[in-house]
Amino acid sequence: MAVNEAERLAASGQVVAAAELLAEAARGGDADAAMLLAVWLLRGTPLRRDLAAARVWLRRAAEIGHVDAALAEIALTANGSGAAADWPRALALLHVAAANDPVAAAQLALVDAMALDRSGLPTRLPAPEPLSAAPRIVRFPALLTPAECAHLAGVGAALLEPARVIDPRTGAWVAHPIRTSDGGAIGPTREDLVVRAINARIAAISGTSVDQGEPLTVLRYQPGQEYRPHLDTIQGASNQRIVTVLLYLNQGFGGGETHFPEVDLTITPRGGDALLFANTRADGRPDPATRHAGLPVTQGAKWLATRWIRAARVDPWTLA
């Protein structure tokens, strides 16, 4: 198979030959070869990252019938990886995929149930419920439907790993010293239209651009797991996390409240609710009053999604 031979060539350092082999096989109708070439170009190894070129090979793989390639192409079309963001085109591609793929059909059903304009932006939002003026903490009741919560948890479940955090000295992800949950970030290739529309909803309630948000991170806290008191800001960051939005994906578990000790505020999670709080002061400096904790879960499992929003656009591929 071309894929096996290409992987052997790449492992031996013959990357150009491997890529040429995959391209030839893809042009001849090998969907797996087209998909692997796209993955290499998206991942940035063993080939240099080239999102536009990756889109070409995803299109080829999807044309041949590769289901995962079709879903990845839809996500990248919507979020603007490798070309300008194009919600109408992404939605059209989802309609095509849904005809033969139950995963795409389920996503389309969720999108069709949303109140969206032609650009995929929300046309209706819940009324905000202020909880604190300084720091600004606001709850948005029922921002998500139960089906949307279940979708986020389902997407995140496949990505769960022990929690990590950005090392402010190196910018690298390292084991998290104070959060004991499992989590996973929904990166650009997995940002399906349901997730993209939810990210746009988060941008709308926060008064920011969707491109300012880091990839949505899904977290699962089991009994005994917690997130000890902390700030969400990144020490020394030039593009600071100015706002955090928490999405509570379920309820009925024990413990797991969100606690702000500086203002003596405790929020009990309700599935579908969103909690928004500002991380910085008016001058852009981190606000110590936003120190908060996810209290230990005592029974069941708590599911949560977090969107950290930066002061300016952030590249979801590099977080730069």
C-alpha atoms as a PDB file:
ATOM      1  CA  MET A   1       0.000   0.000   0.000  1.00  0.00           C
ATOM      2  CA  ALA A   2       1.131   3.539  -0.753  1.00  0.00           C
ATOM      3  CA  VAL A   3       0.463   4.654   2.818  1.00  0.00           C
ATOM      4  CA  ASN A   4       2.695   1.979   4.344  1.00  0.00           C
ATOM      5  CA  GLU A   5       5.504   2.629   1.873  1.00  0.00           C
ATOM      6  CA  ALA A   6       5.247   6.397   2.405  1.00  0.00           C
ATOM      7  CA  GLU A   7       5.484   5.981   6.164  1.00  0.00           C
ATOM      8  CA  ARG A   8       8.554   3.765   5.705  1.00  0.00           C
ATOM      9  CA  LEU A   9      10.179   6.339   3.443  1.00  0.00           C
ATOM     10  CA  ALA A  10       9.423   9.186   5.833  1.00  0.00           C
ATOM     11  CA  ALA A  11      10.824   7.225   8.782  1.00  0.00           C
ATOM     12  CA  SER A  12      14.074   6.751   6.860  1.00  0.00           C
ATOM     13  CA  GLY A  13      14.330  10.471   6.122  1.00  0.00           C
ATOM     14  CA  GLN A  14      13.079  10.324   2.519  1.00  0.00           C
ATOM     15  CA  VAL A  15      10.245  12.766   3.153  1.00  0.00           C
ATOM     16  CA  VAL A  16      10.089  14.275  -0.338  1.00  0.00           C
ATOM     17  CA  ALA A  17       9.839  10.841  -1.932  1.00  0.00           C
ATOM     18  CA  ALA A  18       7.165   9.855   0.579  1.00  0.00           C
ATOM     19  CA  ALA A  19       5.088  12.931  -0.196  1.00  0.00           C
ATOM     20  CA  GLU A  20       5.427  12.394  -3.946  1.00  0.00           C
ATOM     21  CA  LEU A  21       4.306   8.782  -3.552  1.00  0.00           C
ATOM     22  CA  LEU A  22       1.244   9.828  -1.560  1.00  0.00           C
ATOM     23  CA  ALA A  23       0.336  12.551  -4.043  1.00  0.00           C
ATOM     24  CA  GLU A  24       0.583  10.154  -6.985  1.00  0.00           C
ATOM     25  CA  ALA A  25      -1.529   7.557  -5.191  1.00  0.00           C
ATOM     26  CA  ALA A  26      -4.097  10.173  -4.199  1.00  0.00           C
ATOM     27  CA  ARG A  27      -4.427  11.387  -7.764  1.00  0.00           C
ATOM     28  CA  GLY A  28      -5.019   7.768  -8.728  1.00  0.00           C
ATOM     29  CA  GLY A  29      -7.922   7.396  -6.312  1.00  0.00           C
ATOM     30  CA  ASP A  30      -6.323   6.329  -3.012  1.00  0.00           C
ATOM     31  CA  ALA A  31      -8.330   8.160  -0.333  1.00  0.00           C
ATOM     32  CA  ASP A  32      -6.078   7.019   2.513  1.00  0.00           C
ATOM     33  CA  ALA A  33      -3.027   8.419   0.724  1.00  0.00           C
ATOM     34  CA  ALA A  34      -4.746  11.768   0.233  1.00  0.00           C
ATOM     35  CA  MET A  35      -5.777  11.821   3.879  1.00  0.00           C
ATOM     36  CA  LEU A  36      -2.297  11.000   5.180  1.00  0.00           C
ATOM     37  CA  LEU A  37      -0.750  13.704   3.018  1.00  0.00           C
ATOM     38  CA  ALA A  38      -3.291  16.180   4.378  1.00  0.00           C
ATOM     39  CA  VAL A  39      -2.532  15.097   7.946  1.00  0.00           C
ATOM     40  CA  TRP A  40       1.203  15.609   7.441  1.00  0.00           C
ATOM     41  CA  LEU A  41       0.573  19.097   6.090  1.00  0.00           C
ATOM     42  CA  LEU A  42      -1.781  19.943   8.952  1.00  0.00           C
ATOM     43  CA  ARG A  43       0.443  18.509  11.660  1.00  0.00           C
ATOM     44  CA  GLY A  44       3.587  20.174  10.369  1.00  0.00           C
ATOM     45  CA  THR A  45       5.604  16.969  10.455  1.00  0.00           C
ATOM     46  CA  PRO A  46       7.245  15.362   8.565  1.00  0.00           C
ATOM     47  CA  LEU A  47       6.242  18.100   6.097  1.00  0.00           C
ATOM     48  CA  ARG A  48       6.180  21.821   6.820  1.00  0.00           C
ATOM     49  CA  ARG A  49       2.705  22.951   7.851  1.00  0.00           C
ATOM     50  CA  ASP A  50       0.737  24.234   4.853  1.00  0.00           C
ATOM     51  CA  LEU A  51      -2.955  24.628   5.619  1.00  0.00           C
ATOM     52  CA  ALA A  52      -3.951  25.625   2.102  1.00  0.00           C
ATOM     53  CA  ALA A  53      -2.228  22.586   0.593  1.00  0.00           C
ATOM     54  CA  ALA A  54      -3.767  20.367   3.255  1.00  0.00           C
ATOM     55  CA  ARG A  55      -7.196  21.610   2.215  1.00  0.00           C
ATOM     56  CA  VAL A  56      -6.493  20.483  -1.371  1.00  0.00           C
ATOM     57  CA  TRP A  57      -5.759  16.927  -0.274  1.00  0.00           C
ATOM     58  CA  LEU A  58      -8.667  16.822   2.161  1.00  0.00           C
ATOM     59  CA  ARG A  59     -10.925  17.787  -0.751  1.00  0.00           C
ATOM     60  CA  ARG A  60      -9.443  14.992  -2.836  1.00  0.00           C
ATOM     61  CA  ALA A  61      -9.898  12.434  -0.061  1.00  0.00           C
ATOM     62  CA  ALA A  62     -13.478  13.577   0.537  1.00  0.00           C
ATOM     63  CA  GLU A  63     -14.273  13.345  -3.178  1.00  0.00           C
ATOM     64  CA  ILE A  64     -13.108   9.736  -3.157  1.00  0.00           C
ATOM     65  CA  GLY A  65     -15.279   9.020  -0.120  1.00  0.00           C
ATOM     66  CA  HIS A  66     -13.100   9.434   2.989  1.00  0.00           C
ATOM     67  CA  VAL A  67     -15.578  10.302   5.754  1.00  0.00           C
ATOM     68  CA  ASP A  68     -13.083  11.755   8.236  1.00  0.00           C
ATOM     69  CA  ALA A  69     -11.550  13.915   5.510  1.00  0.00           C
ATOM     70  CA  ALA A  70     -14.977  15.317   4.698  1.00  0.00           C
ATOM     71  CA  LEU A  71     -15.609  16.233   8.337  1.00  0.00           C
ATOM     72  CA  ALA A  72     -12.179  17.844   8.719  1.00  0.00           C
ATOM     73  CA  GLU A  73     -12.686  19.835   5.524  1.00  0.00           C
ATOM     74  CA  ILE A  74     -16.016  21.126   6.834  1.00  0.00           C
ATOM     75  CA  ALA A  75     -14.410  22.259  10.088  1.00  0.00           C
ATOM     76  CA  LEU A  76     -11.520  24.036   8.372  1.00  0.00           C
ATOM     77  CA  THR A  77     -13.866  25.696   5.882  1.00  0.00           C
ATOM     78  CA  ALA A  78     -15.912  27.152   8.728  1.00  0.00           C
ATOM     79  CA  ASN A  79     -13.012  28.319  10.884  1.00  0.00           C
ATOM     80  CA  GLY A  80     -10.875  29.742   8.112  1.00  0.00           C
ATOM     81  CA  SER A  81      -7.845  27.456   8.272  1.00  0.00           C
ATOM     82  CA  GLY A  82      -6.053  27.639   4.929  1.00  0.00           C
ATOM     83  CA  ALA A  83      -8.569  30.032   3.365  1.00  0.00           C
ATOM     84  CA  ALA A  84     -11.074  32.669   4.443  1.00  0.00           C
ATOM     85  CA  ALA A  85     -13.760  31.401   6.821  1.00  0.00           C
ATOM     86  CA  ASP A  86     -16.868  30.439   4.831  1.00  0.00           C
ATOM     87  CA  TRP A  87     -19.854  29.297   6.893  1.00  0.00           C
ATOM     88  CA  PRO A  88     -22.274  28.939   3.939  1.00  0.00           C
ATOM     89  CA  ARG A  89     -19.795  26.722   2.088  1.00  0.00           C
ATOM     90  CA  ALA A  90     -19.149  24.649   5.210  1.00  0.00           C
ATOM     91  CA  LEU A  91     -22.873  24.201   5.746  1.00  0.00           C
ATOM     92  CA  ALA A  92     -23.320  23.116   2.137  1.00  0.00           C
ATOM     93  CA  LEU A  93     -20.547  20.547   2.563  1.00  0.00           C
ATOM     94  CA  LEU A  94     -22.200  19.289   5.751  1.00  0.00           C
ATOM     95  CA  HIS A  95     -25.468  18.773   3.876  1.00  0.00           C
ATOM     96  CA  VAL A  96     -23.614  16.652   1.324  1.00  0.00           C
ATOM     97  CA  ALA A  97     -21.817  14.612   3.990  1.00  0.00           C
ATOM     98  CA  ALA A  98     -25.008  14.101   5.994  1.00  0.00           C
ATOM     99  CA  ALA A  99     -26.587  12.170   3.140  1.00  0.00           C
ATOM    100  CA  ASN A 100     -24.293   9.195   3.791  1.00  0.00           C
ATOM    101  CA  ASP A 101     -22.689   9.750   7.205  1.00  0.00           C
ATOM    102  CA  PRO A 102     -24.708   9.484  10.440  1.00  0.00           C
ATOM    103  CA  VAL A 103     -22.153  11.590  12.331  1.00  0.00           C
ATOM    104  CA  ALA A 104     -22.557  14.437   9.852  1.00  0.00           C
ATOM    105  CA  ALA A 105     -26.331  13.974   9.909  1.00  0.00           C
ATOM    106  CA  ALA A 106     -26.394  14.325  13.703  1.00  0.00           C
ATOM    107  CA  GLN A 107     -24.295  17.489  13.499  1.00  0.00           C
ATOM    108  CA  LEU A 108     -26.592  18.932  10.839  1.00  0.00           C
ATOM    109  CA  ALA A 109     -29.655  18.265  12.995  1.00  0.00           C
ATOM    110  CA  LEU A 110     -28.095  20.205  15.871  1.00  0.00           C
ATOM    111  CA  VAL A 111     -27.099  23.108  13.618  1.00  0.00           C
ATOM    112  CA  ASP A 112     -30.556  23.236  12.043  1.00  0.00           C
ATOM    113  CA  ALA A 113     -32.072  23.596  15.526  1.00  0.00           C
ATOM    114  CA  MET A 114     -29.949  26.684  16.288  1.00  0.00           C
ATOM    115  CA  ALA A 115     -31.056  30.294  15.794  1.00  0.00           C
ATOM    116  CA  LEU A 116     -28.334  31.409  13.361  1.00  0.00           C
ATOM    117  CA  ASP A 117     -27.946  33.944  10.599  1.00  0.00           C
ATOM    118  CA  ARG A 118     -26.440  33.157   7.189  1.00  0.00           C
ATOM    119  CA  SER A 119     -22.941  33.591   8.607  1.00  0.00           C
ATOM    120  CA  GLY A 120     -23.475  31.127  11.449  1.00  0.00           C
ATOM    121  CA  LEU A 121     -23.790  33.853  14.077  1.00  0.00           C
ATOM    122  CA  PRO A 122     -26.453  33.650  16.804  1.00  0.00           C
ATOM    123  CA  THR A 123     -29.642  35.645  16.387  1.00  0.00           C
ATOM    124  CA  ARG A 124     -30.872  35.040  19.927  1.00  0.00           C
ATOM    125  CA  LEU A 125     -29.077  35.032  23.295  1.00  0.00           C
ATOM    126  CA  PRO A 126     -30.286  34.578  26.882  1.00  0.00           C
ATOM    127  CA  ALA A 127     -30.472  37.617  29.129  1.00  0.00           C
ATOM    128  CA  PRO A 128     -27.356  38.071  31.288  1.00  0.00           C
ATOM    129  CA  GLU A 129     -27.611  37.619  35.054  1.00  0.00           C
ATOM    130  CA  PRO A 130     -24.975  39.794  36.794  1.00  0.00           C
ATOM    131  CA  LEU A 131     -23.395  38.134  39.832  1.00  0.00           C
ATOM    132  CA  SER A 132     -20.591  40.599  40.600  1.00  0.00           C
ATOM    133  CA  ALA A 133     -19.710  44.069  39.354  1.00  0.00           C
ATOM    134  CA  ALA A 134     -16.052  44.089  40.388  1.00  0.00           C
ATOM    135  CA  PRO A 135     -14.732  41.799  39.154  1.00  0.00           C
ATOM    136  CA  ARG A 136     -17.313  41.398  36.417  1.00  0.00           C
ATOM    137  CA  ILE A 137     -18.953  37.986  36.739  1.00  0.00           C
ATOM    138  CA  VAL A 138     -22.070  37.198  34.718  1.00  0.00           C
ATOM    139  CA  ARG A 139     -24.196  34.085  34.295  1.00  0.00           C
ATOM    140  CA  PHE A 140     -26.057  33.339  31.054  1.00  0.00           C
ATOM    141  CA  PRO A 141     -28.765  30.799  31.917  1.00  0.00           C
ATOM    142  CA  ALA A 142     -29.387  28.026  29.384  1.00  0.00           C
ATOM    143  CA  LEU A 143     -26.890  29.303  26.822  1.00  0.00           C
ATOM    144  CA  LEU A 144     -26.680  25.706  25.563  1.00  0.00           C
ATOM    145  CA  THR A 145     -29.389  23.115  25.012  1.00  0.00           C
ATOM    146  CA  PRO A 146     -29.051  19.655  26.590  1.00  0.00           C
ATOM    147  CA  ALA A 147     -28.279  18.223  23.146  1.00  0.00           C
ATOM    148  CA  GLU A 148     -25.513  20.777  22.604  1.00  0.00           C
ATOM    149  CA  CYS A 149     -24.043  19.980  26.018  1.00  0.00           C
ATOM    150  CA  ALA A 150     -24.064  16.276  25.183  1.00  0.00           C
ATOM    151  CA  HIS A 151     -22.356  16.975  21.867  1.00  0.00           C
ATOM    152  CA  LEU A 152     -19.519  18.939  23.472  1.00  0.00           C
ATOM    153  CA  ALA A 153     -19.026  16.246  26.099  1.00  0.00           C
ATOM    154  CA  GLY A 154     -18.998  13.590  23.392  1.00  0.00           C
ATOM    155  CA  VAL A 155     -16.424  15.414  21.277  1.00  0.00           C
ATOM    156  CA  GLY A 156     -14.295  16.083  24.340  1.00  0.00           C
ATOM    157  CA  ALA A 157     -14.497  12.519  25.641  1.00  0.00           C
ATOM    158  CA  ALA A 158     -12.358  11.294  22.748  1.00  0.00           C
ATOM    159  CA  LEU A 159      -9.656  13.840  23.610  1.00  0.00           C
ATOM    160  CA  LEU A 160      -9.360  13.455  27.382  1.00  0.00           C
ATOM    161  CA  GLU A 161      -5.909  13.349  28.934  1.00  0.00           C
ATOM    162  CA  PRO A 162      -4.478  14.578  32.247  1.00  0.00           C
ATOM    163  CA  ALA A 163      -4.758  18.366  32.523  1.00  0.00           C
ATOM    164  CA  ARG A 164      -1.920  20.530  31.216  1.00  0.00           C
ATOM    165  CA  VAL A 165      -1.045  24.208  31.389  1.00  0.00           C
ATOM    166  CA  ILE A 166       1.142  26.628  29.416  1.00  0.00           C
ATOM    167  CA  ASP A 167       4.585  27.116  30.998  1.00  0.00           C
ATOM    168  CA  PRO A 168       4.996  30.929  31.017  1.00  0.00           C
ATOM    169  CA  ARG A 169       8.776  30.580  30.624  1.00  0.00           C
ATOM    170  CA  THR A 170       8.733  28.405  27.507  1.00  0.00           C
ATOM    171  CA  GLY A 171       5.201  28.602  26.110  1.00  0.00           C
ATOM    172  CA  ALA A 172       5.055  24.792  26.146  1.00  0.00           C
ATOM    173  CA  TRP A 173       2.255  22.686  27.623  1.00  0.00           C
ATOM    174  CA  VAL A 174       3.249  20.919  30.855  1.00  0.00           C
ATOM    175  CA  ALA A 175       1.475  18.807  33.489  1.00  0.00           C
ATOM    176  CA  HIS A 176      -0.943  20.999  35.416  1.00  0.00           C
ATOM    177  CA  PRO A 177       0.222  21.583  38.999  1.00  0.00           C
ATOM    178  CA  ILE A 178      -3.156  22.553  40.496  1.00  0.00           C
ATOM    179  CA  ARG A 179      -5.864  21.038  38.279  1.00  0.00           C
ATOM    180  CA  THR A 180      -6.410  17.317  38.637  1.00  0.00           C
ATOM    181  CA  SER A 181      -9.119  16.853  36.004  1.00  0.00           C
ATOM    182  CA  ASP A 182      -8.861  15.235  32.593  1.00  0.00           C
ATOM    183  CA  GLY A 183      -9.316  17.470  29.579  1.00  0.00           C
ATOM    184  CA  GLY A 184      -8.918  17.929  25.871  1.00  0.00           C
ATOM    185  CA  ALA A 185      -8.867  20.914  23.530  1.00  0.00           C
ATOM    186  CA  ILE A 186     -11.102  20.819  20.465  1.00  0.00           C
ATOM    187  CA  GLY A 187      -8.596  21.882  17.825  1.00  0.00           C
ATOM    188  CA  PRO A 188      -9.342  23.290  14.372  1.00  0.00           C
ATOM    189  CA  THR A 189      -9.857  19.962  12.583  1.00  0.00           C
ATOM    190  CA  ARG A 190     -12.405  18.864  15.202  1.00  0.00           C
ATOM    191  CA  GLU A 191     -14.210  22.202  15.450  1.00  0.00           C
ATOM    192  CA  ASP A 192     -17.323  20.934  13.699  1.00  0.00           C
ATOM    193  CA  LEU A 193     -20.157  23.310  12.855  1.00  0.00           C
ATOM    194  CA  VAL A 194     -21.879  22.667  16.184  1.00  0.00           C
ATOM    195  CA  VAL A 195     -18.720  23.616  18.081  1.00  0.00           C
ATOM    196  CA  ARG A 196     -18.047  26.549  15.754  1.00  0.00           C
ATOM    197  CA  ALA A 197     -21.544  27.932  16.285  1.00  0.00           C
ATOM    198  CA  ILE A 198     -21.158  27.574  20.053  1.00  0.00           C
ATOM    199  CA  ASN A 199     -17.815  29.378  19.896  1.00  0.00           C
ATOM    200  CA  ALA A 200     -19.549  32.164  17.962  1.00  0.00           C
ATOM    201  CA  ARG A 201     -22.204  32.281  20.687  1.00  0.00           C
ATOM    202  CA  ILE A 202     -19.477  32.639  23.307  1.00  0.00           C
ATOM    203  CA  ALA A 203     -17.971  35.494  21.303  1.00  0.00           C
ATOM    204  CA  ALA A 204     -21.369  37.182  21.154  1.00  0.00           C
ATOM    205  CA  ILE A 205     -22.006  37.101  24.905  1.00  0.00           C
ATOM    206  CA  SER A 206     -18.463  38.322  25.609  1.00  0.00           C
ATOM    207  CA  GLY A 207     -18.443  41.083  23.013  1.00  0.00           C
ATOM    208  CA  THR A 208     -15.349  39.646  21.337  1.00  0.00           C
ATOM    209  CA  SER A 209     -14.419  38.110  18.001  1.00  0.00           C
ATOM    210  CA  VAL A 210     -14.574  34.339  17.678  1.00  0.00           C
ATOM    211  CA  ASP A 211     -10.934  34.437  16.527  1.00  0.00           C
ATOM    212  CA  GLN A 212      -9.851  35.759  19.940  1.00  0.00           C
ATOM    213  CA  GLY A 213     -10.742  32.481  21.627  1.00  0.00           C
ATOM    214  CA  GLU A 214      -8.358  29.641  22.321  1.00  0.00           C
ATOM    215  CA  PRO A 215      -9.644  26.214  21.265  1.00  0.00           C
ATOM    216  CA  LEU A 216     -12.585  25.195  23.437  1.00  0.00           C
ATOM    217  CA  THR A 217     -11.344  22.834  26.153  1.00  0.00           C
ATOM    218  CA  VAL A 218     -13.597  20.122  27.586  1.00  0.00           C
ATOM    219  CA  LEU A 219     -12.873  19.020  31.159  1.00  0.00           C
ATOM    220  CA  ARG A 220     -14.100  16.083  33.222  1.00  0.00           C
ATOM    221  CA  TYR A 221     -13.807  16.096  37.005  1.00  0.00           C
ATOM    222  CA  GLN A 222     -14.327  12.800  38.836  1.00  0.00           C
ATOM    223  CA  PRO A 223     -14.672  12.340  42.617  1.00  0.00           C
ATOM    224  CA  GLY A 224     -11.742  13.950  44.414  1.00  0.00           C
ATOM    225  CA  GLN A 225     -10.642  15.977  41.399  1.00  0.00           C
ATOM    226  CA  GLU A 226     -10.574  19.765  41.619  1.00  0.00           C
ATOM    227  CA  TYR A 227      -9.032  22.962  40.304  1.00  0.00           C
ATOM    228  CA  ARG A 228      -7.392  24.737  43.218  1.00  0.00           C
ATOM    229  CA  PRO A 229      -7.526  28.573  43.475  1.00  0.00           C
ATOM    230  CA  HIS A 230      -5.846  30.201  40.495  1.00  0.00           C
ATOM    231  CA  LEU A 231      -5.931  32.997  37.935  1.00  0.00           C
ATOM    232  CA  ASP A 232      -6.596  32.274  34.263  1.00  0.00           C
ATOM    233  CA  THR A 233      -4.176  34.939  33.059  1.00  0.00           C
ATOM    234  CA  ILE A 234      -0.749  33.913  31.737  1.00  0.00           C
ATOM    235  CA  GLN A 235       2.218  35.565  33.414  1.00  0.00           C
ATOM    236  CA  GLY A 236       4.042  37.876  31.022  1.00  0.00           C
ATOM    237  CA  ALA A 237       1.773  37.158  28.041  1.00  0.00           C
ATOM    238  CA  SER A 238       1.684  39.883  25.397  1.00  0.00           C
ATOM    239  CA  ASN A 239      -1.731  38.650  24.230  1.00  0.00           C
ATOM    240  CA  GLN A 240      -3.423  38.166  27.574  1.00  0.00           C
ATOM    241  CA  ARG A 241      -6.474  36.095  28.471  1.00  0.00           C
ATOM    242  CA  ILE A 242      -8.915  38.918  29.146  1.00  0.00           C
ATOM    243  CA  VAL A 243     -12.111  36.888  29.583  1.00  0.00           C
ATOM    244  CA  THR A 244     -13.012  33.337  30.557  1.00  0.00           C
ATOM    245  CA  VAL A 245     -16.293  31.643  29.681  1.00  0.00           C
ATOM    246  CA  LEU A 246     -17.207  28.409  31.454  1.00  0.00           C
ATOM    247  CA  LEU A 247     -19.915  26.180  29.984  1.00  0.00           C
ATOM    248  CA  TYR A 248     -21.477  23.774  32.456  1.00  0.00           C
ATOM    249  CA  LEU A 249     -22.348  20.641  30.491  1.00  0.00           C
ATOM    250  CA  ASN A 250     -24.188  18.666  33.160  1.00  0.00           C
ATOM    251  CA  GLN A 251     -25.576  18.731  36.685  1.00  0.00           C
ATOM    252  CA  GLY A 252     -26.640  16.246  39.331  1.00  0.00           C
ATOM    253  CA  PHE A 253     -23.120  15.543  40.616  1.00  0.00           C
ATOM    254  CA  GLY A 254     -21.894  16.318  44.123  1.00  0.00           C
ATOM    255  CA  GLY A 255     -19.583  19.265  44.777  1.00  0.00           C
ATOM    256  CA  GLY A 256     -17.810  20.893  41.849  1.00  0.00           C
ATOM    257  CA  GLU A 257     -18.973  24.449  42.531  1.00  0.00           C
ATOM    258  CA  THR A 258     -17.065  27.408  41.071  1.00  0.00           C
ATOM    259  CA  HIS A 259     -15.818  29.562  43.946  1.00  0.00           C
ATOM    260  CA  PHE A 260     -14.434  33.120  43.903  1.00  0.00           C
ATOM    261  CA  PRO A 261     -12.921  33.568  47.390  1.00  0.00           C
ATOM    262  CA  GLU A 262     -12.073  37.270  46.978  1.00  0.00           C
ATOM    263  CA  VAL A 263     -15.753  38.185  46.562  1.00  0.00           C
ATOM    264  CA  ASP A 264     -17.190  35.244  48.537  1.00  0.00           C
ATOM    265  CA  LEU A 265     -19.190  34.002  45.557  1.00  0.00           C
ATOM    266  CA  THR A 266     -20.006  30.350  44.908  1.00  0.00           C
ATOM    267  CA  ILE A 267     -21.815  29.179  41.768  1.00  0.00           C
ATOM    268  CA  THR A 268     -23.526  25.800  41.632  1.00  0.00           C
ATOM    269  CA  PRO A 269     -23.245  24.389  38.095  1.00  0.00           C
ATOM    270  CA  ARG A 270     -26.438  23.958  36.088  1.00  0.00           C
ATOM    271  CA  GLY A 271     -26.240  22.110  32.802  1.00  0.00           C
ATOM    272  CA  GLY A 272     -26.403  24.535  29.870  1.00  0.00           C
ATOM    273  CA  ASP A 273     -25.493  27.653  31.851  1.00  0.00           C
ATOM    274  CA  ALA A 274     -22.490  29.793  30.950  1.00  0.00           C
ATOM    275  CA  LEU A 275     -20.393  31.755  33.422  1.00  0.00           C
ATOM    276  CA  LEU A 276     -18.397  34.714  32.099  1.00  0.00           C
ATOM    277  CA  PHE A 277     -15.812  36.671  34.039  1.00  0.00           C
ATOM    278  CA  ALA A 278     -13.221  39.305  33.186  1.00  0.00           C
ATOM    279  CA  ASN A 279      -9.650  38.309  34.023  1.00  0.00           C
ATOM    280  CA  THR A 280      -8.043  41.730  33.650  1.00  0.00           C
ATOM    281  CA  ARG A 281      -8.537  45.255  34.894  1.00  0.00           C
ATOM    282  CA  ALA A 282      -9.225  48.246  32.664  1.00  0.00           C
ATOM    283  CA  ASP A 283      -5.480  48.799  32.236  1.00  0.00           C
ATOM    284  CA  GLY A 284      -4.989  45.233  30.983  1.00  0.00           C
ATOM    285  CA  ARG A 285      -3.238  43.926  34.078  1.00  0.00           C
ATOM    286  CA  PRO A 286      -4.423  40.652  35.681  1.00  0.00           C
ATOM    287  CA  ASP A 287      -7.126  41.207  38.283  1.00  0.00           C
ATOM    288  CA  PRO A 288      -6.296  39.263  41.477  1.00  0.00           C
ATOM    289  CA  ALA A 289      -9.958  39.436  42.493  1.00  0.00           C
ATOM    290  CA  THR A 290     -10.752  36.900  39.754  1.00  0.00           C
ATOM    291  CA  ARG A 291      -8.879  34.159  41.592  1.00  0.00           C
ATOM    292  CA  HIS A 292     -11.246  31.211  41.546  1.00  0.00           C
ATOM    293  CA  ALA A 293     -11.440  27.487  42.153  1.00  0.00           C
ATOM    294  CA  GLY A 294     -13.338  24.471  40.938  1.00  0.00           C
ATOM    295  CA  LEU A 295     -14.220  22.807  44.231  1.00  0.00           C
ATOM    296  CA  PRO A 296     -13.679  19.046  44.586  1.00  0.00           C
ATOM    297  CA  VAL A 297     -16.290  16.768  43.074  1.00  0.00           C
ATOM    298  CA  THR A 298     -17.687  14.456  45.734  1.00  0.00           C
ATOM    299  CA  GLN A 299     -19.998  12.247  43.675  1.00  0.00           C
ATOM    300  CA  GLY A 300     -20.539  11.542  39.996  1.00  0.00           C
ATOM    301  CA  ALA A 301     -18.700  13.370  37.227  1.00  0.00           C
ATOM    302  CA  LYS A 302     -18.679  17.061  36.352  1.00  0.00           C
ATOM    303  CA  TRP A 303     -18.360  18.018  32.687  1.00  0.00           C
ATOM    304  CA  LEU A 304     -17.277  21.527  31.776  1.00  0.00           C
ATOM    305  CA  ALA A 305     -16.050  23.398  28.714  1.00  0.00           C
ATOM    306  CA  THR A 306     -13.742  26.396  29.004  1.00  0.00           C
ATOM    307  CA  ARG A 307     -13.055  29.115  26.449  1.00  0.00           C
ATOM    308  CA  TRP A 308     -10.152  31.429  27.257  1.00  0.00           C
ATOM    309  CA  ILE A 309     -10.457  34.643  25.257  1.00  0.00           C
ATOM    310  CA  ARG A 310      -7.385  36.715  24.405  1.00  0.00           C
ATOM    311  CA  ALA A 311      -7.033  40.471  23.933  1.00  0.00           C
ATOM    312  CA  ALA A 312      -6.365  39.962  20.208  1.00  0.00           C
ATOM    313  CA  ARG A 313      -6.637  37.199  17.642  1.00  0.00           C
ATOM    314  CA  VAL A 314      -4.917  33.946  18.593  1.00  0.00           C
ATOM    315  CA  ASP A 315      -3.695  31.338  16.116  1.00  0.00           C
ATOM    316  CA  PRO A 316      -5.440  28.071  17.090  1.00  0.00           C
ATOM    317  CA  TRP A 317      -2.608  26.066  15.528  1.00  0.00           C
ATOM    318  CA  THR A 318       0.176  27.623  17.588  1.00  0.00           C
ATOM    319  CA  LEU A 319      -1.620  29.637  20.324  1.00  0.00           C
ATOM    320  CA  ALA A 320       0.558  32.572  19.263  1.00  0.00           C
END
